[in-house]
C-alpha atoms as a PDB file:
ATOM      1  CA  UNK A   1     -43.229 -19.524 -47.959  1.00  0.00           C
ATOM      2  CA  UNK A   2     -45.427 -22.575 -48.563  1.00  0.00           C
ATOM      3  CA  UNK A   3     -43.685 -25.827 -47.655  1.00  0.00           C
ATOM      4  CA  UNK A   4     -45.077 -29.175 -48.720  1.00  0.00           C
ATOM      5  CA  UNK A   5     -44.733 -32.260 -46.553  1.00  0.00           C
ATOM      6  CA  UNK A   6     -44.597 -34.607 -49.525  1.00  0.00           C
ATOM      7  CA  UNK A   7     -42.019 -37.338 -48.936  1.00  0.00           C
ATOM      8  CA  UNK A   8     -39.312 -37.148 -51.603  1.00  0.00           C
ATOM      9  CA  UNK A   9     -35.954 -38.858 -51.305  1.00  0.00           C
ATOM     10  CA  UNK A  10     -33.380 -36.133 -51.815  1.00  0.00           C
ATOM     11  CA  UNK A  11     -29.612 -36.074 -51.727  1.00  0.00           C
ATOM     12  CA  UNK A  12     -27.255 -33.446 -50.301  1.00  0.00           C
ATOM     13  CA  UNK A  13     -23.530 -33.427 -51.048  1.00  0.00           C
ATOM     14  CA  UNK A  14     -21.223 -30.988 -49.238  1.00  0.00           C
ATOM     15  CA  UNK A  15     -17.586 -30.378 -50.173  1.00  0.00           C
ATOM     16  CA  UNK A  16     -14.946 -28.517 -48.179  1.00  0.00           C
ATOM     17  CA  UNK A  17     -12.609 -27.222 -50.859  1.00  0.00           C
ATOM     18  CA  UNK A  18     -12.014 -24.746 -53.671  1.00  0.00           C
ATOM     19  CA  UNK A  19     -14.844 -24.710 -56.211  1.00  0.00           C
ATOM     20  CA  UNK A  20     -12.297 -24.379 -59.011  1.00  0.00           C
ATOM     21  CA  UNK A  21     -11.152 -27.923 -58.210  1.00  0.00           C
ATOM     22  CA  UNK A  22     -14.275 -29.543 -56.731  1.00  0.00           C
ATOM     23  CA  UNK A  23     -16.500 -28.682 -59.699  1.00  0.00           C
ATOM     24  CA  UNK A  24     -14.154 -30.535 -62.052  1.00  0.00           C
ATOM     25  CA  UNK A  25     -15.303 -33.771 -60.415  1.00  0.00           C
ATOM     26  CA  UNK A  26     -18.954 -33.198 -61.368  1.00  0.00           C
ATOM     27  CA  UNK A  27     -20.544 -34.486 -64.572  1.00  0.00           C
ATOM     28  CA  UNK A  28     -21.407 -32.295 -67.552  1.00  0.00           C
ATOM     29  CA  UNK A  29     -25.035 -31.127 -67.842  1.00  0.00           C
ATOM     30  CA  UNK A  30     -26.037 -32.658 -64.503  1.00  0.00           C
ATOM     31  CA  UNK A  31     -27.414 -29.735 -62.446  1.00  0.00           C
ATOM     32  CA  UNK A  32     -30.702 -27.826 -62.874  1.00  0.00           C
ATOM     33  CA  UNK A  33     -29.928 -24.501 -61.209  1.00  0.00           C
ATOM     34  CA  UNK A  34     -27.189 -22.427 -59.594  1.00  0.00           C
ATOM     35  CA  UNK A  35     -28.121 -20.214 -56.627  1.00  0.00           C
ATOM     36  CA  UNK A  36     -25.285 -18.551 -54.764  1.00  0.00           C
ATOM     37  CA  UNK A  37     -24.053 -15.577 -52.741  1.00  0.00           C
ATOM     38  CA  UNK A  38     -20.402 -15.241 -53.857  1.00  0.00           C
ATOM     39  CA  UNK A  39     -17.739 -12.826 -52.611  1.00  0.00           C
ATOM     40  CA  UNK A  40     -18.566  -9.279 -53.739  1.00  0.00           C
ATOM     41  CA  UNK A  41     -14.974  -8.104 -54.095  1.00  0.00           C
ATOM     42  CA  UNK A  42     -15.450  -5.225 -51.626  1.00  0.00           C
ATOM     43  CA  UNK A  43     -13.561  -6.719 -48.633  1.00  0.00           C
ATOM     44  CA  UNK A  44     -16.701  -6.629 -46.462  1.00  0.00           C
ATOM     45  CA  UNK A  45     -15.836  -6.249 -42.749  1.00  0.00           C
ATOM     46  CA  UNK A  46     -12.160  -6.684 -43.691  1.00  0.00           C
ATOM     47  CA  UNK A  47     -12.715 -10.348 -44.632  1.00  0.00           C
ATOM     48  CA  UNK A  48      -9.901 -11.652 -46.850  1.00  0.00           C
ATOM     49  CA  UNK A  49     -12.245 -13.990 -48.751  1.00  0.00           C
ATOM     50  CA  UNK A  50     -14.233 -10.976 -49.984  1.00  0.00           C
ATOM     51  CA  UNK A  51     -11.271  -9.070 -51.451  1.00  0.00           C
ATOM     52  CA  UNK A  52     -11.783 -10.179 -55.055  1.00  0.00           C
ATOM     53  CA  UNK A  53     -14.569 -11.511 -57.240  1.00  0.00           C
ATOM     54  CA  UNK A  54     -14.546 -15.232 -58.044  1.00  0.00           C
ATOM     55  CA  UNK A  55     -12.281 -16.158 -60.988  1.00  0.00           C
ATOM     56  CA  UNK A  56     -14.016 -16.708 -64.309  1.00  0.00           C
ATOM     57  CA  UNK A  57     -12.731 -20.298 -64.361  1.00  0.00           C
ATOM     58  CA  UNK A  58     -15.188 -21.174 -61.576  1.00  0.00           C
ATOM     59  CA  UNK A  59     -18.109 -19.755 -63.553  1.00  0.00           C
ATOM     60  CA  UNK A  60     -16.964 -21.718 -66.606  1.00  0.00           C
ATOM     61  CA  UNK A  61     -17.055 -24.919 -64.544  1.00  0.00           C
ATOM     62  CA  UNK A  62     -20.535 -23.979 -63.312  1.00  0.00           C
ATOM     63  CA  UNK A  63     -21.593 -23.486 -66.922  1.00  0.00           C
ATOM     64  CA  UNK A  64     -20.276 -26.942 -67.809  1.00  0.00           C
ATOM     65  CA  UNK A  65     -22.131 -28.801 -65.041  1.00  0.00           C
ATOM     66  CA  UNK A  66     -25.448 -26.999 -65.580  1.00  0.00           C
ATOM     67  CA  UNK A  67     -28.002 -28.451 -67.981  1.00  0.00           C
ATOM     68  CA  UNK A  68     -28.876 -26.407 -71.088  1.00  0.00           C
ATOM     69  CA  UNK A  69     -31.702 -24.033 -70.203  1.00  0.00           C
ATOM     70  CA  UNK A  70     -30.736 -23.915 -66.503  1.00  0.00           C
ATOM     71  CA  UNK A  71     -30.905 -20.589 -64.719  1.00  0.00           C
ATOM     72  CA  UNK A  72     -28.372 -18.975 -62.420  1.00  0.00           C
ATOM     73  CA  UNK A  73     -29.199 -16.578 -59.566  1.00  0.00           C
ATOM     74  CA  UNK A  74     -26.106 -14.770 -58.283  1.00  0.00           C
ATOM     75  CA  UNK A  75     -26.257 -12.297 -55.388  1.00  0.00           C
ATOM     76  CA  UNK A  76     -24.308  -9.085 -55.896  1.00  0.00           C
ATOM     77  CA  UNK A  77     -23.613  -5.742 -54.303  1.00  0.00           C
ATOM     78  CA  UNK A  78     -25.699  -2.888 -55.818  1.00  0.00           C
ATOM     79  CA  UNK A  79     -22.479  -0.963 -56.540  1.00  0.00           C
ATOM     80  CA  UNK A  80     -22.243  -0.348 -60.286  1.00  0.00           C
ATOM     81  CA  UNK A  81     -18.586  -1.378 -60.562  1.00  0.00           C
ATOM     82  CA  UNK A  82     -19.204  -4.697 -58.787  1.00  0.00           C
ATOM     83  CA  UNK A  83     -22.344  -5.416 -60.822  1.00  0.00           C
ATOM     84  CA  UNK A  84     -20.569  -4.667 -64.090  1.00  0.00           C
ATOM     85  CA  UNK A  85     -17.603  -6.932 -63.350  1.00  0.00           C
ATOM     86  CA  UNK A  86     -19.773  -9.771 -62.050  1.00  0.00           C
ATOM     87  CA  UNK A  87     -22.098  -9.712 -65.073  1.00  0.00           C
ATOM     88  CA  UNK A  88     -19.163  -9.501 -67.490  1.00  0.00           C
ATOM     89  CA  UNK A  89     -17.451 -12.494 -65.847  1.00  0.00           C
ATOM     90  CA  UNK A  90     -20.650 -14.540 -66.090  1.00  0.00           C
ATOM     91  CA  UNK A  91     -21.123 -13.538 -69.718  1.00  0.00           C
ATOM     92  CA  UNK A  92     -17.495 -14.423 -70.502  1.00  0.00           C
ATOM     93  CA  UNK A  93     -18.178 -17.869 -69.004  1.00  0.00           C
ATOM     94  CA  UNK A  94     -20.913 -18.385 -71.612  1.00  0.00           C
ATOM     95  CA  UNK A  95     -24.124 -17.453 -69.810  1.00  0.00           C
ATOM     96  CA  UNK A  96     -26.938 -15.513 -71.482  1.00  0.00           C
ATOM     97  CA  UNK A  97     -27.212 -12.395 -69.301  1.00  0.00           C
ATOM     98  CA  UNK A  98     -30.156 -10.735 -71.086  1.00  0.00           C
ATOM     99  CA  UNK A  99     -32.468 -11.082 -68.086  1.00  0.00           C
ATOM    100  CA  UNK A 100     -33.685  -8.462 -65.624  1.00  0.00           C
ATOM    101  CA  UNK A 101     -32.385  -8.842 -62.068  1.00  0.00           C
ATOM    102  CA  UNK A 102     -34.395  -9.696 -58.993  1.00  0.00           C
ATOM    103  CA  UNK A 103     -34.078  -7.097 -56.237  1.00  0.00           C
ATOM    104  CA  UNK A 104     -33.991  -8.193 -52.619  1.00  0.00           C
ATOM    105  CA  UNK A 105     -35.281  -5.371 -50.415  1.00  0.00           C
ATOM    106  CA  UNK A 106     -35.154  -5.182 -46.643  1.00  0.00           C
ATOM    107  CA  UNK A 107     -35.913  -2.620 -43.944  1.00  0.00           C
ATOM    108  CA  UNK A 108     -32.604  -2.214 -42.208  1.00  0.00           C
ATOM    109  CA  UNK A 109     -29.333  -0.344 -42.423  1.00  0.00           C
ATOM    110  CA  UNK A 110     -28.094   3.113 -41.547  1.00  0.00           C
ATOM    111  CA  UNK A 111     -26.337   5.809 -43.555  1.00  0.00           C
ATOM    112  CA  UNK A 112     -22.588   5.728 -43.425  1.00  0.00           C
ATOM    113  CA  UNK A 113     -20.100   8.418 -44.321  1.00  0.00           C
ATOM    114  CA  UNK A 114     -16.525   9.372 -43.538  1.00  0.00           C
ATOM    115  CA  UNK A 115     -15.825  12.125 -41.032  1.00  0.00           C
ATOM    116  CA  UNK A 116     -14.047  14.778 -43.114  1.00  0.00           C
ATOM    117  CA  UNK A 117     -12.395  16.391 -40.092  1.00  0.00           C
ATOM    118  CA  UNK A 118     -10.893  13.092 -38.910  1.00  0.00           C
ATOM    119  CA  UNK A 119      -9.684  12.265 -42.416  1.00  0.00           C
ATOM    120  CA  UNK A 120      -7.867  15.614 -42.646  1.00  0.00           C
ATOM    121  CA  UNK A 121      -6.075  15.109 -39.336  1.00  0.00           C
ATOM    122  CA  UNK A 122      -5.157  11.575 -40.365  1.00  0.00           C
ATOM    123  CA  UNK A 123      -3.733  12.821 -43.684  1.00  0.00           C
ATOM    124  CA  UNK A 124      -1.453  15.258 -41.860  1.00  0.00           C
ATOM    125  CA  UNK A 125      -0.527  12.772 -39.135  1.00  0.00           C
ATOM    126  CA  UNK A 126      -2.040  14.986 -36.440  1.00  0.00           C
ATOM    127  CA  UNK A 127      -3.053  13.301 -33.185  1.00  0.00           C
ATOM    128  CA  UNK A 128      -6.537  14.188 -31.951  1.00  0.00           C
ATOM    129  CA  UNK A 129      -7.334  14.753 -28.272  1.00  0.00           C
ATOM    130  CA  UNK A 130      -9.813  12.275 -26.805  1.00  0.00           C
ATOM    131  CA  UNK A 131     -12.429  14.236 -24.840  1.00  0.00           C
ATOM    132  CA  UNK A 132     -14.922  11.442 -24.105  1.00  0.00           C
ATOM    133  CA  UNK A 133     -16.509   8.254 -25.324  1.00  0.00           C
ATOM    134  CA  UNK A 134     -19.978   6.995 -26.107  1.00  0.00           C
ATOM    135  CA  UNK A 135     -21.470   3.516 -25.808  1.00  0.00           C
ATOM    136  CA  UNK A 136     -22.688   2.586 -29.277  1.00  0.00           C
ATOM    137  CA  UNK A 137     -24.838  -0.260 -27.977  1.00  0.00           C
ATOM    138  CA  UNK A 138     -22.646  -3.058 -29.310  1.00  0.00           C
ATOM    139  CA  UNK A 139     -20.062  -5.326 -27.776  1.00  0.00           C
ATOM    140  CA  UNK A 140     -16.738  -6.880 -28.693  1.00  0.00           C
ATOM    141  CA  UNK A 141     -15.938 -10.506 -28.123  1.00  0.00           C
ATOM    142  CA  UNK A 142     -12.624 -11.646 -26.706  1.00  0.00           C
ATOM    143  CA  UNK A 143     -11.027 -11.671 -30.151  1.00  0.00           C
ATOM    144  CA  UNK A 144     -11.957  -8.068 -30.797  1.00  0.00           C
ATOM    145  CA  UNK A 145     -14.770  -8.714 -33.295  1.00  0.00           C
ATOM    146  CA  UNK A 146     -17.915  -6.666 -32.922  1.00  0.00           C
ATOM    147  CA  UNK A 147     -21.081  -8.560 -32.127  1.00  0.00           C
ATOM    148  CA  UNK A 148     -24.610  -7.756 -31.035  1.00  0.00           C
ATOM    149  CA  UNK A 149     -24.687  -9.803 -27.865  1.00  0.00           C
ATOM    150  CA  UNK A 150     -22.525 -11.018 -24.989  1.00  0.00           C
ATOM    151  CA  UNK A 151     -21.860 -14.753 -24.828  1.00  0.00           C
ATOM    152  CA  UNK A 152     -23.675 -16.997 -22.372  1.00  0.00           C
ATOM    153  CA  UNK A 153     -20.456 -17.296 -20.427  1.00  0.00           C
ATOM    154  CA  UNK A 154     -20.362 -13.542 -19.961  1.00  0.00           C
ATOM    155  CA  UNK A 155     -17.541 -13.092 -22.472  1.00  0.00           C
ATOM    156  CA  UNK A 156     -17.456  -9.903 -24.457  1.00  0.00           C
ATOM    157  CA  UNK A 157     -17.040  -6.283 -23.460  1.00  0.00           C
ATOM    158  CA  UNK A 158     -19.105  -3.196 -24.139  1.00  0.00           C
ATOM    159  CA  UNK A 159     -17.978  -1.330 -27.248  1.00  0.00           C
ATOM    160  CA  UNK A 160     -17.341   2.411 -26.908  1.00  0.00           C
ATOM    161  CA  UNK A 161     -16.622   4.998 -29.584  1.00  0.00           C
ATOM    162  CA  UNK A 162     -14.092   7.693 -28.728  1.00  0.00           C
ATOM    163  CA  UNK A 163     -15.061  11.342 -29.069  1.00  0.00           C
ATOM    164  CA  UNK A 164     -12.152  13.447 -30.298  1.00  0.00           C
ATOM    165  CA  UNK A 165     -11.399  17.128 -30.933  1.00  0.00           C
ATOM    166  CA  UNK A 166      -9.953  18.355 -34.259  1.00  0.00           C
ATOM    167  CA  UNK A 167      -6.223  19.026 -34.179  1.00  0.00           C
ATOM    168  CA  UNK A 168      -5.338  21.030 -37.290  1.00  0.00           C
ATOM    169  CA  UNK A 169      -6.977  24.323 -38.282  1.00  0.00           C
ATOM    170  CA  UNK A 170      -8.282  22.752 -41.483  1.00  0.00           C
ATOM    171  CA  UNK A 171      -9.846  19.873 -39.540  1.00  0.00           C
ATOM    172  CA  UNK A 172     -11.541  22.399 -37.220  1.00  0.00           C
ATOM    173  CA  UNK A 173     -12.980  24.138 -40.282  1.00  0.00           C
ATOM    174  CA  UNK A 174     -14.587  20.902 -41.479  1.00  0.00           C
ATOM    175  CA  UNK A 175     -15.747  19.614 -38.082  1.00  0.00           C
ATOM    176  CA  UNK A 176     -19.141  17.945 -38.492  1.00  0.00           C
ATOM    177  CA  UNK A 177     -18.803  17.600 -42.263  1.00  0.00           C
ATOM    178  CA  UNK A 178     -19.336  14.175 -43.832  1.00  0.00           C
ATOM    179  CA  UNK A 179     -17.593  13.010 -46.998  1.00  0.00           C
ATOM    180  CA  UNK A 180     -18.857  10.453 -49.479  1.00  0.00           C
ATOM    181  CA  UNK A 181     -22.289  10.009 -47.908  1.00  0.00           C
ATOM    182  CA  UNK A 182     -23.520   6.567 -49.001  1.00  0.00           C
ATOM    183  CA  UNK A 183     -26.692   5.168 -47.456  1.00  0.00           C
ATOM    184  CA  UNK A 184     -26.196   1.530 -46.571  1.00  0.00           C
ATOM    185  CA  UNK A 185     -28.221  -0.215 -49.283  1.00  0.00           C
ATOM    186  CA  UNK A 186     -31.685  -1.481 -48.450  1.00  0.00           C
ATOM    187  CA  UNK A 187     -31.564  -3.464 -51.698  1.00  0.00           C
ATOM    188  CA  UNK A 188     -29.229  -6.076 -53.124  1.00  0.00           C
ATOM    189  CA  UNK A 189     -29.197  -7.377 -56.678  1.00  0.00           C
ATOM    190  CA  UNK A 190     -29.756 -10.986 -57.659  1.00  0.00           C
ATOM    191  CA  UNK A 191     -28.265 -11.341 -61.132  1.00  0.00           C
ATOM    192  CA  UNK A 192     -30.211 -13.733 -63.347  1.00  0.00           C
ATOM    193  CA  UNK A 193     -28.657 -15.610 -66.272  1.00  0.00           C
ATOM    194  CA  UNK A 194     -29.162 -18.820 -68.217  1.00  0.00           C
ATOM    195  CA  UNK A 195     -27.169 -21.523 -69.955  1.00  0.00           C
ATOM    196  CA  UNK A 196     -28.554 -21.191 -73.514  1.00  0.00           C
ATOM    197  CA  UNK A 197     -30.258 -23.718 -75.802  1.00  0.00           C
ATOM    198  CA  UNK A 198     -32.544 -25.275 -73.246  1.00  0.00           C
ATOM    199  CA  UNK A 199     -35.724 -27.268 -73.590  1.00  0.00           C
ATOM    200  CA  UNK A 200     -37.554 -25.539 -70.717  1.00  0.00           C
ATOM    201  CA  UNK A 201     -40.581 -23.641 -71.941  1.00  0.00           C
ATOM    202  CA  UNK A 202     -42.295 -20.380 -71.106  1.00  0.00           C
ATOM    203  CA  UNK A 203     -45.051 -22.418 -69.442  1.00  0.00           C
ATOM    204  CA  UNK A 204     -42.508 -23.938 -67.031  1.00  0.00           C
ATOM    205  CA  UNK A 205     -41.542 -20.439 -65.881  1.00  0.00           C
ATOM    206  CA  UNK A 206     -45.208 -19.427 -65.486  1.00  0.00           C
ATOM    207  CA  UNK A 207     -45.929 -22.491 -63.342  1.00  0.00           C
ATOM    208  CA  UNK A 208     -42.896 -21.785 -61.150  1.00  0.00           C
ATOM    209  CA  UNK A 209     -43.935 -18.142 -60.710  1.00  0.00           C
ATOM    210  CA  UNK A 210     -47.453 -19.172 -59.703  1.00  0.00           C
ATOM    211  CA  UNK A 211     -45.960 -21.320 -56.912  1.00  0.00           C
ATOM    212  CA  UNK A 212     -44.787 -18.158 -55.118  1.00  0.00           C
ATOM    213  CA  UNK A 213     -46.899 -16.569 -52.354  1.00  0.00           C
ATOM    214  CA  UNK A 214     -49.316 -13.866 -53.565  1.00  0.00           C
ATOM    215  CA  UNK A 215     -47.543 -11.076 -51.677  1.00  0.00           C
ATOM    216  CA  UNK A 216     -44.257 -11.937 -53.427  1.00  0.00           C
ATOM    217  CA  UNK A 217     -45.895 -12.136 -56.873  1.00  0.00           C
ATOM    218  CA  UNK A 218     -47.456  -8.690 -56.343  1.00  0.00           C
ATOM    219  CA  UNK A 219     -44.110  -6.942 -55.849  1.00  0.00           C
ATOM    220  CA  UNK A 220     -41.932  -9.039 -58.208  1.00  0.00           C
ATOM    221  CA  UNK A 221     -39.113  -8.413 -59.292  1.00  0.00           C
ATOM    222  CA  UNK A 222     -38.792  -6.817 -55.855  1.00  0.00           C
ATOM    223  CA  UNK A 223     -38.714  -9.509 -53.180  1.00  0.00           C
ATOM    224  CA  UNK A 224     -39.185  -8.046 -49.716  1.00  0.00           C
ATOM    225  CA  UNK A 225     -37.749 -10.299 -47.026  1.00  0.00           C
ATOM    226  CA  UNK A 226     -36.218  -9.111 -43.719  1.00  0.00           C
ATOM    227  CA  UNK A 227     -32.680 -10.038 -42.837  1.00  0.00           C
ATOM    228  CA  UNK A 228     -32.514 -13.225 -40.763  1.00  0.00           C
ATOM    229  CA  UNK A 229     -32.906 -12.930 -37.004  1.00  0.00           C
ATOM    230  CA  UNK A 230     -30.309 -14.398 -34.655  1.00  0.00           C
ATOM    231  CA  UNK A 231     -32.456 -17.485 -34.006  1.00  0.00           C
ATOM    232  CA  UNK A 232     -32.509 -18.333 -37.711  1.00  0.00           C
ATOM    233  CA  UNK A 233     -28.795 -17.633 -38.104  1.00  0.00           C
ATOM    234  CA  UNK A 234     -27.955 -19.992 -35.238  1.00  0.00           C
ATOM    235  CA  UNK A 235     -30.320 -22.727 -36.438  1.00  0.00           C
ATOM    236  CA  UNK A 236     -28.584 -26.061 -35.815  1.00  0.00           C
ATOM    237  CA  UNK A 237     -25.317 -24.545 -34.608  1.00  0.00           C
ATOM    238  CA  UNK A 238     -23.768 -22.732 -31.665  1.00  0.00           C
ATOM    239  CA  UNK A 239     -20.768 -21.540 -33.673  1.00  0.00           C
ATOM    240  CA  UNK A 240     -20.014 -17.944 -34.648  1.00  0.00           C
ATOM    241  CA  UNK A 241     -22.367 -17.005 -37.438  1.00  0.00           C
ATOM    242  CA  UNK A 242     -21.311 -16.074 -40.967  1.00  0.00           C
ATOM    243  CA  UNK A 243     -21.174 -12.258 -41.455  1.00  0.00           C
ATOM    244  CA  UNK A 244     -23.191 -12.163 -44.690  1.00  0.00           C
ATOM    245  CA  UNK A 245     -25.838 -14.831 -44.073  1.00  0.00           C
ATOM    246  CA  UNK A 246     -28.970 -14.535 -46.231  1.00  0.00           C
ATOM    247  CA  UNK A 247     -32.559 -15.362 -45.159  1.00  0.00           C
ATOM    248  CA  UNK A 248     -33.829 -18.863 -45.950  1.00  0.00           C
ATOM    249  CA  UNK A 249     -37.110 -17.421 -47.259  1.00  0.00           C
ATOM    250  CA  UNK A 250     -35.259 -15.371 -49.882  1.00  0.00           C
ATOM    251  CA  UNK A 251     -33.313 -18.353 -51.198  1.00  0.00           C
ATOM    252  CA  UNK A 252     -36.486 -20.461 -51.106  1.00  0.00           C
ATOM    253  CA  UNK A 253     -38.333 -18.012 -53.348  1.00  0.00           C
ATOM    254  CA  UNK A 254     -35.439 -17.925 -55.821  1.00  0.00           C
ATOM    255  CA  UNK A 255     -35.173 -21.726 -55.968  1.00  0.00           C
ATOM    256  CA  UNK A 256     -38.950 -22.017 -56.374  1.00  0.00           C
ATOM    257  CA  UNK A 257     -38.820 -19.688 -59.380  1.00  0.00           C
ATOM    258  CA  UNK A 258     -36.384 -21.755 -61.407  1.00  0.00           C
ATOM    259  CA  UNK A 259     -36.720 -25.408 -60.327  1.00  0.00           C
ATOM    260  CA  UNK A 260     -39.189 -28.185 -59.601  1.00  0.00           C
ATOM    261  CA  UNK A 261     -39.181 -30.855 -56.884  1.00  0.00           C
ATOM    262  CA  UNK A 262     -36.406 -33.398 -57.384  1.00  0.00           C
ATOM    263  CA  UNK A 263     -34.198 -30.998 -59.375  1.00  0.00           C
ATOM    264  CA  UNK A 264     -30.532 -30.485 -58.512  1.00  0.00           C
ATOM    265  CA  UNK A 265     -29.388 -27.106 -57.104  1.00  0.00           C
ATOM    266  CA  UNK A 266     -25.740 -26.124 -56.720  1.00  0.00           C
ATOM    267  CA  UNK A 267     -24.077 -23.407 -54.613  1.00  0.00           C
ATOM    268  CA  UNK A 268     -20.301 -23.099 -55.220  1.00  0.00           C
ATOM    269  CA  UNK A 269     -19.942 -20.466 -52.444  1.00  0.00           C
ATOM    270  CA  UNK A 270     -22.009 -22.076 -49.707  1.00  0.00           C
ATOM    271  CA  UNK A 271     -21.126 -19.758 -46.820  1.00  0.00           C
ATOM    272  CA  UNK A 272     -23.275 -20.870 -43.890  1.00  0.00           C
ATOM    273  CA  UNK A 273     -25.489 -23.254 -45.863  1.00  0.00           C
ATOM    274  CA  UNK A 274     -28.650 -21.205 -46.411  1.00  0.00           C
ATOM    275  CA  UNK A 275     -29.108 -22.377 -50.023  1.00  0.00           C
ATOM    276  CA  UNK A 276     -28.864 -25.965 -48.819  1.00  0.00           C
ATOM    277  CA  UNK A 277     -31.477 -25.431 -46.114  1.00  0.00           C
ATOM    278  CA  UNK A 278     -33.863 -23.877 -48.652  1.00  0.00           C
ATOM    279  CA  UNK A 279     -33.255 -26.792 -51.039  1.00  0.00           C
ATOM    280  CA  UNK A 280     -34.011 -29.326 -48.311  1.00  0.00           C
ATOM    281  CA  UNK A 281     -37.254 -27.542 -47.406  1.00  0.00           C
ATOM    282  CA  UNK A 282     -38.347 -27.562 -51.055  1.00  0.00           C
ATOM    283  CA  UNK A 283     -37.408 -31.181 -51.809  1.00  0.00           C
ATOM    284  CA  UNK A 284     -34.532 -30.295 -54.132  1.00  0.00           C
ATOM    285  CA  UNK A 285     -31.291 -32.256 -54.362  1.00  0.00           C
ATOM    286  CA  UNK A 286     -28.312 -30.136 -53.438  1.00  0.00           C
ATOM    287  CA  UNK A 287     -24.571 -29.760 -54.008  1.00  0.00           C
ATOM    288  CA  UNK A 288     -22.662 -27.219 -51.917  1.00  0.00           C
ATOM    289  CA  UNK A 289     -19.004 -26.205 -51.898  1.00  0.00           C
ATOM    290  CA  UNK A 290     -17.342 -24.073 -49.201  1.00  0.00           C
ATOM    291  CA  UNK A 291     -13.611 -23.334 -49.101  1.00  0.00           C
ATOM    292  CA  UNK A 292     -13.310 -21.958 -45.563  1.00  0.00           C
ATOM    293  CA  UNK A 293     -13.219 -24.769 -42.977  1.00  0.00           C
ATOM    294  CA  UNK A 294     -14.745 -22.532 -40.288  1.00  0.00           C
ATOM    295  CA  UNK A 295     -17.854 -21.924 -42.376  1.00  0.00           C
ATOM    296  CA  UNK A 296     -17.988 -25.465 -43.762  1.00  0.00           C
ATOM    297  CA  UNK A 297     -18.353 -26.783 -40.204  1.00  0.00           C
ATOM    298  CA  UNK A 298     -21.303 -24.422 -39.700  1.00  0.00           C
ATOM    299  CA  UNK A 299     -22.836 -25.673 -42.978  1.00  0.00           C
ATOM    300  CA  UNK A 300     -22.614 -29.277 -41.846  1.00  0.00           C
ATOM    301  CA  UNK A 301     -24.327 -28.508 -38.552  1.00  0.00           C
ATOM    302  CA  UNK A 302     -27.115 -26.392 -40.057  1.00  0.00           C
ATOM    303  CA  UNK A 303     -27.788 -28.875 -42.851  1.00  0.00           C
ATOM    304  CA  UNK A 304     -27.931 -31.778 -40.406  1.00  0.00           C
ATOM    305  CA  UNK A 305     -31.226 -30.436 -39.022  1.00  0.00           C
ATOM    306  CA  UNK A 306     -34.083 -32.783 -39.927  1.00  0.00           C
ATOM    307  CA  UNK A 307     -36.459 -31.510 -42.609  1.00  0.00           C
ATOM    308  CA  UNK A 308     -39.505 -31.868 -40.356  1.00  0.00           C
ATOM    309  CA  UNK A 309     -37.763 -29.707 -37.747  1.00  0.00           C
ATOM    310  CA  UNK A 310     -36.987 -27.103 -40.419  1.00  0.00           C
ATOM    311  CA  UNK A 311     -40.611 -27.064 -41.553  1.00  0.00           C
ATOM    312  CA  UNK A 312     -41.818 -26.561 -37.984  1.00  0.00           C
ATOM    313  CA  UNK A 313     -39.240 -23.807 -37.345  1.00  0.00           C
ATOM    314  CA  UNK A 314     -40.237 -21.726 -40.357  1.00  0.00           C
ATOM    315  CA  UNK A 315     -43.940 -22.392 -39.879  1.00  0.00           C
ATOM    316  CA  UNK A 316     -43.705 -21.126 -36.292  1.00  0.00           C
ATOM    317  CA  UNK A 317     -41.941 -17.979 -37.560  1.00  0.00           C
ATOM    318  CA  UNK A 318     -45.012 -16.826 -39.464  1.00  0.00           C
END
């Protein structure tokens, strides 16, 4: 990720509220790009904010504030049902969705599947005998949430998984069998769309593409970026990190593809502020909206980091 040190006066506006209401305060045709990681509608990690996809009304407001010819880049789960509903909602809002997606790939994740034997016993209400437990290498904090480290104050307890014996005869028959094997995806989709009738030309898109690093251009539309390390996640804050935080490099590449310096970028589902950090690094003006106060506070802290400090941090990461 090449970062220029050119001095450009940029603005960043953060709003703690519902995008459906906040966006109504913005002017028509005033923003150059939308880049966002919205709720996927799969209730990830049991989070209530991820239970449903964003209402179409929010996408319609995004359409209104974007300039004609502006692109949108919307993260989505690779699940076909989620992709279909997300694309349909964006199309219903008015966007031209006739573009191929960008695919974020990363080297992480483990297969997951349901234990058929346990599911059978659960269905019949049969209690299983606990015969042991195994340390799965993770910990729980004092609120019961899993995390990968113990706090500096020593808070957190080791997390153990119970080993149980089948109870019913049918469960014994299926011991060791896995149901619904689904490898945890090593790829996520970035849906690309556009507000039609724009004045941007094919040459503009070529110039933006050429601004990407050679290794990214070689594999496009696959963009290979590792998930962010803890140090990047905690950049500028000591608060509990957002569970679905995306890497700054990924968002930087996406913003580079569809904007130029001084353009306005909007993220109506700001999360932990990654899109804002990428915009600051690239000298783009930024508007971010986050409904959850807990995450908005994290956004404010992360986006308060000076641009020169951000440049040094990501340069040192290379």
